[in-house]
Amino acid sequence: AVARVRLFEGKGVNTVVDSDNNPVEYSKVYPEKNAQELGLTPFMVTSTKSNYHFSAKVSGGGKKGQLGAIQLGLARALAKVSEENRVILRQAGLLTRDPRMVERKKIYHVKARKSPQFSKR
């Protein structure tokens, strides 16, 4: 998933822009409490939740992958704002991109690693 995060100063409504370019409130897109907290972790770690709000345009992936993309985007934006935030976020491991990627499908295989059914005769 890819997220373009814009960080704004002041208290406001956190929004996620959907595929039709309509801003939707963050809490309506991710109504589960755990999901909301996962995306807002950079704010919690740096204690800046009341100082900023954001708008994020997300595409690709599933809900969890999109949350991870928002989290990374927020962490990078907060790191640009203050060097102090950067140190805190680095220690919390929030500035590191998840390196896992989908393994490509190989020729003569059904999927990336699954071989076709073996027949003796």
PDB file of N, CA and C in Angstrom:
ATOM      1  N   ALA A   1       0.836  -1.183   0.000  1.00  0.00           N
ATOM      2  CA  ALA A   1       0.000   0.000   0.000  1.00  0.00           C
ATOM      3  C   ALA A   1       0.881   1.246   0.000  1.00  0.00           C
ATOM      4  N   VAL A   2       0.358   2.297  -0.574  1.00  0.00           N
ATOM      5  CA  VAL A   2       1.067   3.570  -0.643  1.00  0.00           C
ATOM      6  C   VAL A   2       0.192   4.639  -0.011  1.00  0.00           C
ATOM      7  N   ALA A   3       0.786   5.480   0.838  1.00  0.00           N
ATOM      8  CA  ALA A   3       0.032   6.563   1.479  1.00  0.00           C
ATOM      9  C   ALA A   3       0.762   7.881   1.282  1.00  0.00           C
ATOM     10  N   ARG A   4       0.029   8.890   0.836  1.00  0.00           N
ATOM     11  CA  ARG A   4       0.561  10.253   0.771  1.00  0.00           C
ATOM     12  C   ARG A   4      -0.038  10.997   1.946  1.00  0.00           C
ATOM     13  N   VAL A   5       0.805  11.342   2.894  1.00  0.00           N
ATOM     14  CA  VAL A   5       0.332  11.957   4.135  1.00  0.00           C
ATOM     15  C   VAL A   5       0.714  13.428   4.151  1.00  0.00           C
ATOM     16  N   ARG A   6      -0.276  14.279   4.449  1.00  0.00           N
ATOM     17  CA  ARG A   6      -0.028  15.712   4.624  1.00  0.00           C
ATOM     18  C   ARG A   6      -0.319  16.047   6.073  1.00  0.00           C
ATOM     19  N   LEU A   7       0.654  16.663   6.723  1.00  0.00           N
ATOM     20  CA  LEU A   7       0.565  16.993   8.144  1.00  0.00           C
ATOM     21  C   LEU A   7       0.248  18.479   8.280  1.00  0.00           C
ATOM     22  N   PHE A   8      -0.737  18.798   9.123  1.00  0.00           N
ATOM     23  CA  PHE A   8      -1.138  20.185   9.349  1.00  0.00           C
ATOM     24  C   PHE A   8      -1.003  20.530  10.820  1.00  0.00           C
ATOM     25  N   GLU A   9      -0.593  21.773  11.099  1.00  0.00           N
ATOM     26  CA  GLU A   9      -0.501  22.209  12.494  1.00  0.00           C
ATOM     27  C   GLU A   9      -1.888  22.542  13.014  1.00  0.00           C
ATOM     28  N   GLY A  10      -2.053  22.419  14.330  1.00  0.00           N
ATOM     29  CA  GLY A  10      -3.326  22.743  14.967  1.00  0.00           C
ATOM     30  C   GLY A  10      -4.230  21.538  15.080  1.00  0.00           C
ATOM     31  N   LYS A  11      -5.212  21.674  15.944  1.00  0.00           N
ATOM     32  CA  LYS A  11      -6.154  20.582  16.159  1.00  0.00           C
ATOM     33  C   LYS A  11      -7.178  20.594  15.037  1.00  0.00           C
ATOM     34  N   GLY A  12      -7.438  19.443  14.478  1.00  0.00           N
ATOM     35  CA  GLY A  12      -8.401  19.327  13.394  1.00  0.00           C
ATOM     36  C   GLY A  12      -8.850  17.889  13.253  1.00  0.00           C
ATOM     37  N   VAL A  13      -9.547  17.622  12.162  1.00  0.00           N
ATOM     38  CA  VAL A  13     -10.059  16.271  11.919  1.00  0.00           C
ATOM     39  C   VAL A  13      -9.072  15.517  11.026  1.00  0.00           C
ATOM     40  N   ASN A  14      -8.674  14.327  11.455  1.00  0.00           N
ATOM     41  CA  ASN A  14      -7.822  13.461  10.643  1.00  0.00           C
ATOM     42  C   ASN A  14      -8.678  12.846   9.547  1.00  0.00           C
ATOM     43  N   THR A  15      -8.234  12.972   8.290  1.00  0.00           N
ATOM     44  CA  THR A  15      -9.031  12.465   7.178  1.00  0.00           C
ATOM     45  C   THR A  15      -8.222  11.513   6.307  1.00  0.00           C
ATOM     46  N   VAL A  16      -8.951  10.597   5.669  1.00  0.00           N
ATOM     47  CA  VAL A  16      -8.372   9.686   4.684  1.00  0.00           C
ATOM     48  C   VAL A  16      -9.140   9.920   3.392  1.00  0.00           C
ATOM     49  N   VAL A  17      -8.418  10.188   2.301  1.00  0.00           N
ATOM     50  CA  VAL A  17      -9.054  10.454   1.015  1.00  0.00           C
ATOM     51  C   VAL A  17      -9.309   9.120   0.330  1.00  0.00           C
ATOM     52  N   ASP A  18     -10.577   8.871  -0.049  1.00  0.00           N
ATOM     53  CA  ASP A  18     -10.922   7.591  -0.676  1.00  0.00           C
ATOM     54  C   ASP A  18     -10.614   7.618  -2.173  1.00  0.00           C
ATOM     55  N   SER A  19     -10.954   6.546  -2.864  1.00  0.00           N
ATOM     56  CA  SER A  19     -10.623   6.406  -4.286  1.00  0.00           C
ATOM     57  C   SER A  19     -11.335   7.436  -5.167  1.00  0.00           C
ATOM     58  N   ASP A  20     -12.449   8.001  -4.678  1.00  0.00           N
ATOM     59  CA  ASP A  20     -13.189   9.018  -5.435  1.00  0.00           C
ATOM     60  C   ASP A  20     -12.768  10.431  -5.056  1.00  0.00           C
ATOM     61  N   ASN A  21     -11.634  10.562  -4.343  1.00  0.00           N
ATOM     62  CA  ASN A  21     -11.106  11.843  -3.867  1.00  0.00           C
ATOM     63  C   ASN A  21     -12.035  12.555  -2.890  1.00  0.00           C
ATOM     64  N   ASN A  22     -12.800  11.788  -2.136  1.00  0.00           N
ATOM     65  CA  ASN A  22     -13.646  12.363  -1.096  1.00  0.00           C
ATOM     66  C   ASN A  22     -12.980  12.163   0.257  1.00  0.00           C
ATOM     67  N   PRO A  23     -12.775  13.254   1.024  1.00  0.00           N
ATOM     68  CA  PRO A  23     -12.182  13.083   2.355  1.00  0.00           C
ATOM     69  C   PRO A  23     -13.174  12.445   3.325  1.00  0.00           C
ATOM     70  N   VAL A  24     -12.755  11.371   3.975  1.00  0.00           N
ATOM     71  CA  VAL A  24     -13.589  10.668   4.952  1.00  0.00           C
ATOM     72  C   VAL A  24     -12.852  10.694   6.281  1.00  0.00           C
ATOM     73  N   GLU A  25     -13.591  10.883   7.357  1.00  0.00           N
ATOM     74  CA  GLU A  25     -12.972  10.942   8.678  1.00  0.00           C
ATOM     75  C   GLU A  25     -12.247   9.624   8.984  1.00  0.00           C
ATOM     76  N   TYR A  26     -11.056   9.757   9.563  1.00  0.00           N
ATOM     77  CA  TYR A  26     -10.193   8.602   9.859  1.00  0.00           C
ATOM     78  C   TYR A  26     -10.917   7.568  10.714  1.00  0.00           C
ATOM     79  N   SER A  27     -11.656   8.026  11.717  1.00  0.00           N
ATOM     80  CA  SER A  27     -12.339   7.105  12.632  1.00  0.00           C
ATOM     81  C   SER A  27     -13.492   6.361  11.955  1.00  0.00           C
ATOM     82  N   LYS A  28     -13.997   6.882  10.827  1.00  0.00           N
ATOM     83  CA  LYS A  28     -15.066   6.183  10.100  1.00  0.00           C
ATOM     84  C   LYS A  28     -14.485   5.138   9.147  1.00  0.00           C
ATOM     85  N   VAL A  29     -13.302   5.413   8.613  1.00  0.00           N
ATOM     86  CA  VAL A  29     -12.645   4.460   7.716  1.00  0.00           C
ATOM     87  C   VAL A  29     -12.132   3.267   8.514  1.00  0.00           C
ATOM     88  N   TYR A  30     -11.575   3.544   9.712  1.00  0.00           N
ATOM     89  CA  TYR A  30     -11.050   2.505  10.599  1.00  0.00           C
ATOM     90  C   TYR A  30     -11.784   2.582  11.937  1.00  0.00           C
ATOM     91  N   PRO A  31     -12.986   2.007  12.031  1.00  0.00           N
ATOM     92  CA  PRO A  31     -13.774   2.124  13.262  1.00  0.00           C
ATOM     93  C   PRO A  31     -13.233   1.309  14.436  1.00  0.00           C
ATOM     94  N   GLU A  32     -12.408   0.289  14.172  1.00  0.00           N
ATOM     95  CA  GLU A  32     -11.881  -0.544  15.256  1.00  0.00           C
ATOM     96  C   GLU A  32     -10.859   0.257  16.057  1.00  0.00           C
ATOM     97  N   LYS A  33     -10.940   0.141  17.375  1.00  0.00           N
ATOM     98  CA  LYS A  33     -10.054   0.897  18.271  1.00  0.00           C
ATOM     99  C   LYS A  33      -8.581   0.543  18.033  1.00  0.00           C
ATOM    100  N   ASN A  34      -8.280  -0.755  17.892  1.00  0.00           N
ATOM    101  CA  ASN A  34      -6.893  -1.190  17.671  1.00  0.00           C
ATOM    102  C   ASN A  34      -6.326  -0.618  16.377  1.00  0.00           C
ATOM    103  N   ALA A  35      -7.148  -0.601  15.329  1.00  0.00           N
ATOM    104  CA  ALA A  35      -6.708  -0.083  14.032  1.00  0.00           C
ATOM    105  C   ALA A  35      -6.422   1.413  14.120  1.00  0.00           C
ATOM    106  N   GLN A  36      -7.273   2.141  14.816  1.00  0.00           N
ATOM    107  CA  GLN A  36      -7.073   3.585  14.982  1.00  0.00           C
ATOM    108  C   GLN A  36      -5.764   3.862  15.706  1.00  0.00           C
ATOM    109  N   GLU A  37      -5.522   3.108  16.772  1.00  0.00           N
ATOM    110  CA  GLU A  37      -4.301   3.313  17.561  1.00  0.00           C
ATOM    111  C   GLU A  37      -3.052   2.945  16.762  1.00  0.00           C
ATOM    112  N   LEU A  38      -3.148   1.911  15.925  1.00  0.00           N
ATOM    113  CA  LEU A  38      -2.008   1.483  15.116  1.00  0.00           C
ATOM    114  C   LEU A  38      -1.568   2.599  14.167  1.00  0.00           C
ATOM    115  N   GLY A  39      -2.521   3.221  13.503  1.00  0.00           N
ATOM    116  CA  GLY A  39      -2.200   4.298  12.562  1.00  0.00           C
ATOM    117  C   GLY A  39      -1.684   5.553  13.236  1.00  0.00           C
ATOM    118  N   LEU A  40      -2.151   5.814  14.452  1.00  0.00           N
ATOM    119  CA  LEU A  40      -1.780   7.041  15.166  1.00  0.00           C
ATOM    120  C   LEU A  40      -0.601   6.848  16.120  1.00  0.00           C
ATOM    121  N   THR A  41       0.074   5.715  16.040  1.00  0.00           N
ATOM    122  CA  THR A  41       1.209   5.431  16.925  1.00  0.00           C
ATOM    123  C   THR A  41       2.276   6.529  16.913  1.00  0.00           C
ATOM    124  N   PRO A  42       2.648   7.092  15.742  1.00  0.00           N
ATOM    125  CA  PRO A  42       3.666   8.156  15.765  1.00  0.00           C
ATOM    126  C   PRO A  42       3.271   9.353  16.637  1.00  0.00           C
ATOM    127  N   PHE A  43       1.976   9.700  16.636  1.00  0.00           N
ATOM    128  CA  PHE A  43       1.499  10.793  17.498  1.00  0.00           C
ATOM    129  C   PHE A  43       1.635  10.416  18.968  1.00  0.00           C
ATOM    130  N   MET A  44       1.283   9.166  19.289  1.00  0.00           N
ATOM    131  CA  MET A  44       1.332   8.712  20.687  1.00  0.00           C
ATOM    132  C   MET A  44       2.772   8.702  21.208  1.00  0.00           C
ATOM    133  N   VAL A  45       3.689   8.187  20.389  1.00  0.00           N
ATOM    134  CA  VAL A  45       5.086   8.049  20.805  1.00  0.00           C
ATOM    135  C   VAL A  45       5.734   9.419  21.033  1.00  0.00           C
ATOM    136  N   THR A  46       5.404  10.387  20.155  1.00  0.00           N
ATOM    137  CA  THR A  46       6.021  11.714  20.256  1.00  0.00           C
ATOM    138  C   THR A  46       5.188  12.695  21.087  1.00  0.00           C
ATOM    139  N   SER A  47       4.034  12.266  21.575  1.00  0.00           N
ATOM    140  CA  SER A  47       3.124  13.116  22.372  1.00  0.00           C
ATOM    141  C   SER A  47       2.745  14.397  21.621  1.00  0.00           C
ATOM    142  N   THR A  48       2.397  14.260  20.347  1.00  0.00           N
ATOM    143  CA  THR A  48       2.039  15.430  19.539  1.00  0.00           C
ATOM    144  C   THR A  48       0.626  15.329  18.963  1.00  0.00           C
ATOM    145  N   LYS A  49      -0.211  14.479  19.551  1.00  0.00           N
ATOM    146  CA  LYS A  49      -1.561  14.255  19.007  1.00  0.00           C
ATOM    147  C   LYS A  49      -2.392  15.538  18.980  1.00  0.00           C
ATOM    148  N   SER A  50      -2.223  16.388  20.014  1.00  0.00           N
ATOM    149  CA  SER A  50      -3.025  17.610  20.098  1.00  0.00           C
ATOM    150  C   SER A  50      -2.433  18.748  19.252  1.00  0.00           C
ATOM    151  N   ASN A  51      -1.211  18.580  18.739  1.00  0.00           N
ATOM    152  CA  ASN A  51      -0.549  19.655  17.988  1.00  0.00           C
ATOM    153  C   ASN A  51      -0.786  19.584  16.479  1.00  0.00           C
ATOM    154  N   TYR A  52      -1.078  18.392  15.966  1.00  0.00           N
ATOM    155  CA  TYR A  52      -1.188  18.210  14.520  1.00  0.00           C
ATOM    156  C   TYR A  52      -2.424  17.389  14.151  1.00  0.00           C
ATOM    157  N   HIS A  53      -2.838  17.550  12.891  1.00  0.00           N
ATOM    158  CA  HIS A  53      -3.807  16.631  12.291  1.00  0.00           C
ATOM    159  C   HIS A  53      -3.316  16.347  10.868  1.00  0.00           C
ATOM    160  N   PHE A  54      -3.887  15.337  10.216  1.00  0.00           N
ATOM    161  CA  PHE A  54      -3.356  14.921   8.921  1.00  0.00           C
ATOM    162  C   PHE A  54      -4.444  14.583   7.926  1.00  0.00           C
ATOM    163  N   SER A  55      -4.028  14.548   6.670  1.00  0.00           N
ATOM    164  CA  SER A  55      -4.857  14.059   5.579  1.00  0.00           C
ATOM    165  C   SER A  55      -4.011  13.042   4.828  1.00  0.00           C
ATOM    166  N   ALA A  56      -4.570  11.879   4.544  1.00  0.00           N
ATOM    167  CA  ALA A  56      -3.804  10.824   3.876  1.00  0.00           C
ATOM    168  C   ALA A  56      -4.571  10.287   2.675  1.00  0.00           C
ATOM    169  N   LYS A  57      -3.877  10.178   1.545  1.00  0.00           N
ATOM    170  CA  LYS A  57      -4.459   9.541   0.365  1.00  0.00           C
ATOM    171  C   LYS A  57      -3.793   8.181   0.233  1.00  0.00           C
ATOM    172  N   VAL A  58      -4.588   7.125   0.326  1.00  0.00           N
ATOM    173  CA  VAL A  58      -4.048   5.770   0.372  1.00  0.00           C
ATOM    174  C   VAL A  58      -4.521   4.974  -0.834  1.00  0.00           C
ATOM    175  N   SER A  59      -3.613   4.150  -1.386  1.00  0.00           N
ATOM    176  CA  SER A  59      -4.003   3.280  -2.492  1.00  0.00           C
ATOM    177  C   SER A  59      -3.262   1.957  -2.382  1.00  0.00           C
ATOM    178  N   GLY A  60      -3.874   0.912  -2.908  1.00  0.00           N
ATOM    179  CA  GLY A  60      -3.268  -0.414  -2.922  1.00  0.00           C
ATOM    180  C   GLY A  60      -3.344  -1.116  -1.585  1.00  0.00           C
ATOM    181  N   GLY A  61      -3.038  -2.414  -1.594  1.00  0.00           N
ATOM    182  CA  GLY A  61      -3.008  -3.197  -0.360  1.00  0.00           C
ATOM    183  C   GLY A  61      -4.367  -3.389   0.270  1.00  0.00           C
ATOM    184  N   GLY A  62      -4.359  -3.944   1.481  1.00  0.00           N
ATOM    185  CA  GLY A  62      -5.583  -4.134   2.248  1.00  0.00           C
ATOM    186  C   GLY A  62      -5.639  -3.123   3.378  1.00  0.00           C
ATOM    187  N   LYS A  63      -6.602  -3.288   4.264  1.00  0.00           N
ATOM    188  CA  LYS A  63      -6.785  -2.342   5.371  1.00  0.00           C
ATOM    189  C   LYS A  63      -5.540  -2.253   6.254  1.00  0.00           C
ATOM    190  N   LYS A  64      -4.981  -3.398   6.606  1.00  0.00           N
ATOM    191  CA  LYS A  64      -3.826  -3.411   7.513  1.00  0.00           C
ATOM    192  C   LYS A  64      -2.585  -2.812   6.835  1.00  0.00           C
ATOM    193  N   GLY A  65      -2.389  -3.136   5.577  1.00  0.00           N
ATOM    194  CA  GLY A  65      -1.262  -2.579   4.835  1.00  0.00           C
ATOM    195  C   GLY A  65      -1.380  -1.073   4.679  1.00  0.00           C
ATOM    196  N   GLN A  66      -2.610  -0.598   4.453  1.00  0.00           N
ATOM    197  CA  GLN A  66      -2.848   0.836   4.329  1.00  0.00           C
ATOM    198  C   GLN A  66      -2.577   1.543   5.647  1.00  0.00           C
ATOM    199  N   LEU A  67      -2.962   0.907   6.760  1.00  0.00           N
ATOM    200  CA  LEU A  67      -2.672   1.486   8.074  1.00  0.00           C
ATOM    201  C   LEU A  67      -1.166   1.600   8.291  1.00  0.00           C
ATOM    202  N   GLY A  68      -0.439   0.581   7.889  1.00  0.00           N
ATOM    203  CA  GLY A  68       1.016   0.613   8.010  1.00  0.00           C
ATOM    204  C   GLY A  68       1.624   1.729   7.176  1.00  0.00           C
ATOM    205  N   ALA A  69       1.065   1.953   5.983  1.00  0.00           N
ATOM    206  CA  ALA A  69       1.549   3.020   5.106  1.00  0.00           C
ATOM    207  C   ALA A  69       1.265   4.397   5.715  1.00  0.00           C
ATOM    208  N   ILE A  70       0.081   4.556   6.309  1.00  0.00           N
ATOM    209  CA  ILE A  70      -0.265   5.816   6.981  1.00  0.00           C
ATOM    210  C   ILE A  70       0.675   6.046   8.156  1.00  0.00           C
ATOM    211  N   GLN A  71       0.932   4.990   8.912  1.00  0.00           N
ATOM    212  CA  GLN A  71       1.821   5.078  10.078  1.00  0.00           C
ATOM    213  C   GLN A  71       3.225   5.532   9.655  1.00  0.00           C
ATOM    214  N   LEU A  72       3.761   4.932   8.599  1.00  0.00           N
ATOM    215  CA  LEU A  72       5.094   5.296   8.122  1.00  0.00           C
ATOM    216  C   LEU A  72       5.111   6.733   7.598  1.00  0.00           C
ATOM    217  N   GLY A  73       4.063   7.117   6.870  1.00  0.00           N
ATOM    218  CA  GLY A  73       3.971   8.484   6.344  1.00  0.00           C
ATOM    219  C   GLY A  73       3.919   9.518   7.453  1.00  0.00           C
ATOM    220  N   LEU A  74       3.129   9.234   8.487  1.00  0.00           N
ATOM    221  CA  LEU A  74       3.040  10.144   9.639  1.00  0.00           C
ATOM    222  C   LEU A  74       4.382  10.246  10.353  1.00  0.00           C
ATOM    223  N   ALA A  75       5.033   9.109  10.542  1.00  0.00           N
ATOM    224  CA  ALA A  75       6.327   9.096  11.227  1.00  0.00           C
ATOM    225  C   ALA A  75       7.349   9.921  10.446  1.00  0.00           C
ATOM    226  N   ARG A  76       7.374   9.772   9.137  1.00  0.00           N
ATOM    227  CA  ARG A  76       8.322  10.527   8.313  1.00  0.00           C
ATOM    228  C   ARG A  76       8.019  12.020   8.350  1.00  0.00           C
ATOM    229  N   ALA A  77       6.730  12.370   8.329  1.00  0.00           N
ATOM    230  CA  ALA A  77       6.343  13.786   8.386  1.00  0.00           C
ATOM    231  C   ALA A  77       6.733  14.403   9.729  1.00  0.00           C
ATOM    232  N   LEU A  78       6.483  13.698  10.816  1.00  0.00           N
ATOM    233  CA  LEU A  78       6.841  14.198  12.148  1.00  0.00           C
ATOM    234  C   LEU A  78       8.360  14.293  12.308  1.00  0.00           C
ATOM    235  N   ALA A  79       9.094  13.392  11.679  1.00  0.00           N
ATOM    236  CA  ALA A  79      10.559  13.426  11.745  1.00  0.00           C
ATOM    237  C   ALA A  79      11.101  14.659  11.024  1.00  0.00           C
ATOM    238  N   LYS A  80      10.429  15.072   9.940  1.00  0.00           N
ATOM    239  CA  LYS A  80      10.851  16.278   9.221  1.00  0.00           C
ATOM    240  C   LYS A  80      10.599  17.537  10.044  1.00  0.00           C
ATOM    241  N   VAL A  81       9.543  17.507  10.859  1.00  0.00           N
ATOM    242  CA  VAL A  81       9.184  18.672  11.673  1.00  0.00           C
ATOM    243  C   VAL A  81      10.239  18.947  12.731  1.00  0.00           C
ATOM    244  N   SER A  82      10.704  17.901  13.407  1.00  0.00           N
ATOM    245  CA  SER A  82      11.625  18.098  14.525  1.00  0.00           C
ATOM    246  C   SER A  82      12.650  16.969  14.596  1.00  0.00           C
ATOM    247  N   GLU A  83      13.895  17.341  14.840  1.00  0.00           N
ATOM    248  CA  GLU A  83      14.971  16.350  14.995  1.00  0.00           C
ATOM    249  C   GLU A  83      14.745  15.513  16.249  1.00  0.00           C
ATOM    250  N   GLU A  84      14.155  16.137  17.262  1.00  0.00           N
ATOM    251  CA  GLU A  84      13.840  15.433  18.519  1.00  0.00           C
ATOM    252  C   GLU A  84      12.850  14.296  18.252  1.00  0.00           C
ATOM    253  N   ASN A  85      11.834  14.591  17.420  1.00  0.00           N
ATOM    254  CA  ASN A  85      10.856  13.564  17.035  1.00  0.00           C
ATOM    255  C   ASN A  85      11.540  12.428  16.285  1.00  0.00           C
ATOM    256  N   ARG A  86      12.492  12.789  15.422  1.00  0.00           N
ATOM    257  CA  ARG A  86      13.187  11.789  14.604  1.00  0.00           C
ATOM    258  C   ARG A  86      13.879  10.746  15.478  1.00  0.00           C
ATOM    259  N   VAL A  87      14.559  11.212  16.528  1.00  0.00           N
ATOM    260  CA  VAL A  87      15.273  10.308  17.435  1.00  0.00           C
ATOM    261  C   VAL A  87      14.290   9.373  18.135  1.00  0.00           C
ATOM    262  N   ILE A  88      13.182   9.934  18.620  1.00  0.00           N
ATOM    263  CA  ILE A  88      12.164   9.144  19.332  1.00  0.00           C
ATOM    264  C   ILE A  88      11.550   8.098  18.399  1.00  0.00           C
ATOM    265  N   LEU A  89      11.196   8.524  17.178  1.00  0.00           N
ATOM    266  CA  LEU A  89      10.563   7.624  16.212  1.00  0.00           C
ATOM    267  C   LEU A  89      11.526   6.528  15.753  1.00  0.00           C
ATOM    268  N   ARG A  90      12.808   6.874  15.609  1.00  0.00           N
ATOM    269  CA  ARG A  90      13.809   5.885  15.204  1.00  0.00           C
ATOM    270  C   ARG A  90      13.945   4.804  16.276  1.00  0.00           C
ATOM    271  N   GLN A  91      13.967   5.224  17.547  1.00  0.00           N
ATOM    272  CA  GLN A  91      14.089   4.270  18.653  1.00  0.00           C
ATOM    273  C   GLN A  91      12.870   3.359  18.730  1.00  0.00           C
ATOM    274  N   ALA A  92      11.699   3.899  18.390  1.00  0.00           N
ATOM    275  CA  ALA A  92      10.469   3.106  18.419  1.00  0.00           C
ATOM    276  C   ALA A  92      10.344   2.214  17.182  1.00  0.00           C
ATOM    277  N   GLY A  93      11.240   2.394  16.207  1.00  0.00           N
ATOM    278  CA  GLY A  93      11.219   1.570  14.995  1.00  0.00           C
ATOM    279  C   GLY A  93      10.146   1.965  14.010  1.00  0.00           C
ATOM    280  N   LEU A  94       9.687   3.216  14.062  1.00  0.00           N
ATOM    281  CA  LEU A  94       8.593   3.653  13.196  1.00  0.00           C
ATOM    282  C   LEU A  94       9.067   4.281  11.885  1.00  0.00           C
ATOM    283  N   LEU A  95      10.366   4.485  11.726  1.00  0.00           N
ATOM    284  CA  LEU A  95      10.877   5.076  10.488  1.00  0.00           C
ATOM    285  C   LEU A  95      11.404   4.014   9.522  1.00  0.00           C
ATOM    286  N   THR A  96      11.270   2.749   9.890  1.00  0.00           N
ATOM    287  CA  THR A  96      11.765   1.656   9.061  1.00  0.00           C
ATOM    288  C   THR A  96      10.634   1.093   8.205  1.00  0.00           C
ATOM    289  N   ARG A  97      10.871   1.042   6.885  1.00  0.00           N
ATOM    290  CA  ARG A  97       9.882   0.489   5.967  1.00  0.00           C
ATOM    291  C   ARG A  97       9.883  -1.027   6.091  1.00  0.00           C
ATOM    292  N   ASP A  98       8.706  -1.637   5.978  1.00  0.00           N
ATOM    293  CA  ASP A  98       8.601  -3.092   6.027  1.00  0.00           C
ATOM    294  C   ASP A  98       9.138  -3.655   4.701  1.00  0.00           C
ATOM    295  N   PRO A  99      10.226  -4.432   4.732  1.00  0.00           N
ATOM    296  CA  PRO A  99      10.864  -4.867   3.487  1.00  0.00           C
ATOM    297  C   PRO A  99      10.195  -6.057   2.802  1.00  0.00           C
ATOM    298  N   ARG A 100       9.202  -6.661   3.433  1.00  0.00           N
ATOM    299  CA  ARG A 100       8.604  -7.873   2.852  1.00  0.00           C
ATOM    300  C   ARG A 100       7.840  -7.548   1.572  1.00  0.00           C
ATOM    301  N   MET A 101       8.101  -8.344   0.549  1.00  0.00           N
ATOM    302  CA  MET A 101       7.435  -8.164  -0.732  1.00  0.00           C
ATOM    303  C   MET A 101       6.898  -9.519  -1.189  1.00  0.00           C
ATOM    304  N   VAL A 102       5.956  -9.489  -2.126  1.00  0.00           N
ATOM    305  CA  VAL A 102       5.397 -10.725  -2.664  1.00  0.00           C
ATOM    306  C   VAL A 102       6.445 -11.377  -3.557  1.00  0.00           C
ATOM    307  N   GLU A 103       6.671 -12.679  -3.349  1.00  0.00           N
ATOM    308  CA  GLU A 103       7.643 -13.414  -4.158  1.00  0.00           C
ATOM    309  C   GLU A 103       7.037 -13.676  -5.533  1.00  0.00           C
ATOM    310  N   ARG A 104       7.852 -13.535  -6.572  1.00  0.00           N
ATOM    311  CA  ARG A 104       7.330 -13.698  -7.925  1.00  0.00           C
ATOM    312  C   ARG A 104       7.041 -15.160  -8.244  1.00  0.00           C
ATOM    313  N   LYS A 105       6.134 -15.378  -9.199  1.00  0.00           N
ATOM    314  CA  LYS A 105       5.805 -16.721  -9.651  1.00  0.00           C
ATOM    315  C   LYS A 105       6.909 -17.205 -10.584  1.00  0.00           C
ATOM    316  N   LYS A 106       7.375 -18.445 -10.357  1.00  0.00           N
ATOM    317  CA  LYS A 106       8.428 -19.028 -11.190  1.00  0.00           C
ATOM    318  C   LYS A 106       7.798 -19.839 -12.329  1.00  0.00           C
ATOM    319  N   ILE A 107       8.557 -19.994 -13.422  1.00  0.00           N
ATOM    320  CA  ILE A 107       8.053 -20.803 -14.530  1.00  0.00           C
ATOM    321  C   ILE A 107       8.017 -22.266 -14.104  1.00  0.00           C
ATOM    322  N   TYR A 108       7.085 -23.015 -14.650  1.00  0.00           N
ATOM    323  CA  TYR A 108       6.837 -24.426 -14.320  1.00  0.00           C
ATOM    324  C   TYR A 108       6.327 -24.613 -12.899  1.00  0.00           C
ATOM    325  N   HIS A 109       5.936 -23.569 -12.248  1.00  0.00           N
ATOM    326  CA  HIS A 109       5.328 -23.661 -10.922  1.00  0.00           C
ATOM    327  C   HIS A 109       3.923 -23.084 -10.995  1.00  0.00           C
ATOM    328  N   VAL A 110       3.054 -23.554 -10.104  1.00  0.00           N
ATOM    329  CA  VAL A 110       1.681 -23.080 -10.072  1.00  0.00           C
ATOM    330  C   VAL A 110       1.640 -21.684  -9.450  1.00  0.00           C
ATOM    331  N   LYS A 111       2.383 -21.518  -8.344  1.00  0.00           N
ATOM    332  CA  LYS A 111       2.503 -20.221  -7.669  1.00  0.00           C
ATOM    333  C   LYS A 111       3.996 -19.958  -7.460  1.00  0.00           C
ATOM    334  N   ALA A 112       4.345 -19.123  -6.501  1.00  0.00           N
ATOM    335  CA  ALA A 112       5.759 -18.801  -6.291  1.00  0.00           C
ATOM    336  C   ALA A 112       6.575 -20.040  -5.928  1.00  0.00           C
ATOM    337  N   ARG A 113       6.032 -20.902  -5.071  1.00  0.00           N
ATOM    338  CA  ARG A 113       6.776 -22.091  -4.637  1.00  0.00           C
ATOM    339  C   ARG A 113       6.042 -23.406  -4.885  1.00  0.00           C
ATOM    340  N   LYS A 114       4.748 -23.335  -5.146  1.00  0.00           N
ATOM    341  CA  LYS A 114       3.961 -24.556  -5.313  1.00  0.00           C
ATOM    342  C   LYS A 114       4.237 -25.186  -6.683  1.00  0.00           C
ATOM    343  N   SER A 115       4.603 -26.462  -6.660  1.00  0.00           N
ATOM    344  CA  SER A 115       4.873 -27.188  -7.905  1.00  0.00           C
ATOM    345  C   SER A 115       3.590 -27.830  -8.413  1.00  0.00           C
ATOM    346  N   PRO A 116       3.552 -28.148  -9.720  1.00  0.00           N
ATOM    347  CA  PRO A 116       2.376 -28.854 -10.219  1.00  0.00           C
ATOM    348  C   PRO A 116       2.305 -30.260  -9.625  1.00  0.00           C
ATOM    349  N   GLN A 117       1.124 -30.845  -9.628  1.00  0.00           N
ATOM    350  CA  GLN A 117       0.929 -32.170  -9.046  1.00  0.00           C
ATOM    351  C   GLN A 117       1.804 -33.197  -9.772  1.00  0.00           C
ATOM    352  N   PHE A 118       2.477 -34.033  -8.975  1.00  0.00           N
ATOM    353  CA  PHE A 118       3.388 -35.031  -9.536  1.00  0.00           C
ATOM    354  C   PHE A 118       2.623 -36.297  -9.902  1.00  0.00           C
ATOM    355  N   SER A 119       2.881 -36.812 -11.108  1.00  0.00           N
ATOM    356  CA  SER A 119       2.258 -38.056 -11.555  1.00  0.00           C
ATOM    357  C   SER A 119       3.362 -39.014 -11.997  1.00  0.00           C
ATOM    358  N   LYS A 120       3.388 -40.212 -11.395  1.00  0.00           N
ATOM    359  CA  LYS A 120       4.428 -41.186 -11.748  1.00  0.00           C
ATOM    360  C   LYS A 120       4.254 -41.686 -13.183  1.00  0.00           C
ATOM    361  N   ARG A 121       3.008 -41.916 -13.588  1.00  0.00           N
ATOM    362  CA  ARG A 121       2.764 -42.470 -14.923  1.00  0.00           C
ATOM    363  C   ARG A 121       1.943 -41.542 -15.776  1.00  0.00           C
TER     364      ARG A 121
END
